[in-house]
Structures are given as structure tokens and as C-alpha cells.
Amino acid sequence: MSGGPLLNRNGELIGINGKSKYPLGGIEAFIFTNGMMPSEQQFLQMEALSWAIPITNFQQRFGRM
């Protein structure tokens, strides 16, 4: 959840770190904006993701920096 850079072997920015793939908080780490918690099936799907933001998504929104 740091928002820190993801770099390739050449030191080039390829993404921005998001939520940890294996959150320490378990299902409680995933709370929707309306305060609801995910179902167990939703949790298993969300837990499998790394939540990083690809640099191409960032560049499309903000351009090259």
C-alpha cells in the first residue's frame, strides 16, 4: 500500500505499488466505500490480485512526468 515505484531491471518505472497481495488484515482489509465487506468468494478473488497500477494507466491519465 505504499504507492512506491515498481522498477524493472533497467531501473525504469513500470508501475506503482498498490495494496499488498496478501494483506495481514484478512477479509477485514477489504471494506467497500459503503462500509460493506466482501463475500468470501469476492475476498478470494480480490486476495489473488497484487493491486499494482501499470505505468501505462498512469501515463494515460497524467502523461509522462
C-alpha atoms as a PDB file:
ATOM      1  CA  MET A   1       0.000   0.000   0.000  1.00  0.00           C
ATOM      2  CA  SER A   2       2.981   2.279  -0.213  1.00  0.00           C
ATOM      3  CA  GLY A   3       2.363   3.902  -3.579  1.00  0.00           C
ATOM      4  CA  GLY A   4       6.077   3.376  -4.166  1.00  0.00           C
ATOM      5  CA  PRO A   5       7.612   2.748  -7.582  1.00  0.00           C
ATOM      6  CA  LEU A   6       7.863  -0.645  -9.287  1.00  0.00           C
ATOM      7  CA  LEU A   7      11.068  -0.755 -11.315  1.00  0.00           C
ATOM      8  CA  ASN A   8      12.318  -3.221 -13.905  1.00  0.00           C
ATOM      9  CA  ARG A   9      15.917  -4.479 -14.066  1.00  0.00           C
ATOM     10  CA  ASN A  10      16.923  -1.356 -16.004  1.00  0.00           C
ATOM     11  CA  GLY A  11      15.624   0.931 -13.273  1.00  0.00           C
ATOM     12  CA  GLU A  12      12.689   2.061 -15.420  1.00  0.00           C
ATOM     13  CA  LEU A  13       9.366   2.800 -13.763  1.00  0.00           C
ATOM     14  CA  ILE A  14       6.858   0.146 -14.834  1.00  0.00           C
ATOM     15  CA  GLY A  15       4.160   0.526 -12.187  1.00  0.00           C
ATOM     16  CA  ILE A  16       3.095   1.992  -8.875  1.00  0.00           C
ATOM     17  CA  ASN A  17       2.736  -0.249  -5.846  1.00  0.00           C
ATOM     18  CA  GLY A  18      -0.777  -0.719  -4.584  1.00  0.00           C
ATOM     19  CA  LYS A  19      -2.288  -2.963  -1.935  1.00  0.00           C
ATOM     20  CA  SER A  20      -0.294  -5.984  -0.788  1.00  0.00           C
ATOM     21  CA  LYS A  21      -1.191  -9.269  -2.478  1.00  0.00           C
ATOM     22  CA  TYR A  22      -1.538 -10.967   0.905  1.00  0.00           C
ATOM     23  CA  PRO A  23      -2.941  -8.388   3.351  1.00  0.00           C
ATOM     24  CA  LEU A  24      -2.281  -9.020   7.016  1.00  0.00           C
ATOM     25  CA  GLY A  25      -5.815  -7.954   7.904  1.00  0.00           C
ATOM     26  CA  GLY A  26      -7.520 -10.836   6.116  1.00  0.00           C
ATOM     27  CA  ILE A  27     -11.009 -10.139   4.858  1.00  0.00           C
ATOM     28  CA  GLU A  28     -11.202  -7.041   7.102  1.00  0.00           C
ATOM     29  CA  ALA A  29      -8.543  -5.414   4.865  1.00  0.00           C
ATOM     30  CA  PHE A  30     -11.170  -5.163   2.113  1.00  0.00           C
ATOM     31  CA  ILE A  31     -14.005  -2.839   3.075  1.00  0.00           C
ATOM     32  CA  PHE A  32     -16.079  -1.217   0.346  1.00  0.00           C
ATOM     33  CA  THR A  33     -16.742   2.536   0.348  1.00  0.00           C
ATOM     34  CA  ASN A  34     -20.282   1.874   1.581  1.00  0.00           C
ATOM     35  CA  GLY A  35     -18.886   0.082   4.651  1.00  0.00           C
ATOM     36  CA  MET A  36     -19.875  -3.407   3.476  1.00  0.00           C
ATOM     37  CA  MET A  37     -17.399  -6.261   3.499  1.00  0.00           C
ATOM     38  CA  PRO A  38     -16.925  -8.615   0.547  1.00  0.00           C
ATOM     39  CA  SER A  39     -18.399 -12.085   0.427  1.00  0.00           C
ATOM     40  CA  GLU A  40     -15.949 -14.936   0.876  1.00  0.00           C
ATOM     41  CA  GLN A  41     -15.955 -15.532  -2.902  1.00  0.00           C
ATOM     42  CA  GLN A  42     -15.227 -11.837  -3.593  1.00  0.00           C
ATOM     43  CA  PHE A  43     -12.479 -11.866  -0.960  1.00  0.00           C
ATOM     44  CA  LEU A  44     -10.771 -14.859  -2.573  1.00  0.00           C
ATOM     45  CA  GLN A  45     -10.838 -13.099  -5.948  1.00  0.00           C
ATOM     46  CA  MET A  46      -9.511  -9.810  -4.533  1.00  0.00           C
ATOM     47  CA  GLU A  47      -6.856 -11.517  -2.408  1.00  0.00           C
ATOM     48  CA  ALA A  48      -5.354 -13.069  -5.553  1.00  0.00           C
ATOM     49  CA  LEU A  49      -4.594  -9.623  -7.034  1.00  0.00           C
ATOM     50  CA  SER A  50      -1.494  -7.542  -6.386  1.00  0.00           C
ATOM     51  CA  TRP A  51      -3.316  -4.208  -6.902  1.00  0.00           C
ATOM     52  CA  ALA A  52      -0.333  -2.508  -8.548  1.00  0.00           C
ATOM     53  CA  ILE A  53      -1.117   0.200 -11.100  1.00  0.00           C
ATOM     54  CA  PRO A  54       0.542  -0.370 -14.507  1.00  0.00           C
ATOM     55  CA  ILE A  55       2.588   2.638 -15.591  1.00  0.00           C
ATOM     56  CA  THR A  56       0.647   2.749 -18.877  1.00  0.00           C
ATOM     57  CA  ASN A  57      -2.540   3.507 -16.902  1.00  0.00           C
ATOM     58  CA  PHE A  58      -0.754   6.301 -15.046  1.00  0.00           C
ATOM     59  CA  GLN A  59       0.663   7.760 -18.266  1.00  0.00           C
ATOM     60  CA  GLN A  60      -2.740   7.717 -19.976  1.00  0.00           C
ATOM     61  CA  ARG A  61      -4.210   9.723 -17.144  1.00  0.00           C
ATOM     62  CA  PHE A  62      -1.339  12.049 -16.233  1.00  0.00           C
ATOM     63  CA  GLY A  63       1.054  11.904 -19.197  1.00  0.00           C
ATOM     64  CA  ARG A  64       4.783  11.378 -18.965  1.00  0.00           C
ATOM     65  CA  MET A  65       6.425  13.014 -15.972  1.00  0.00           C
END
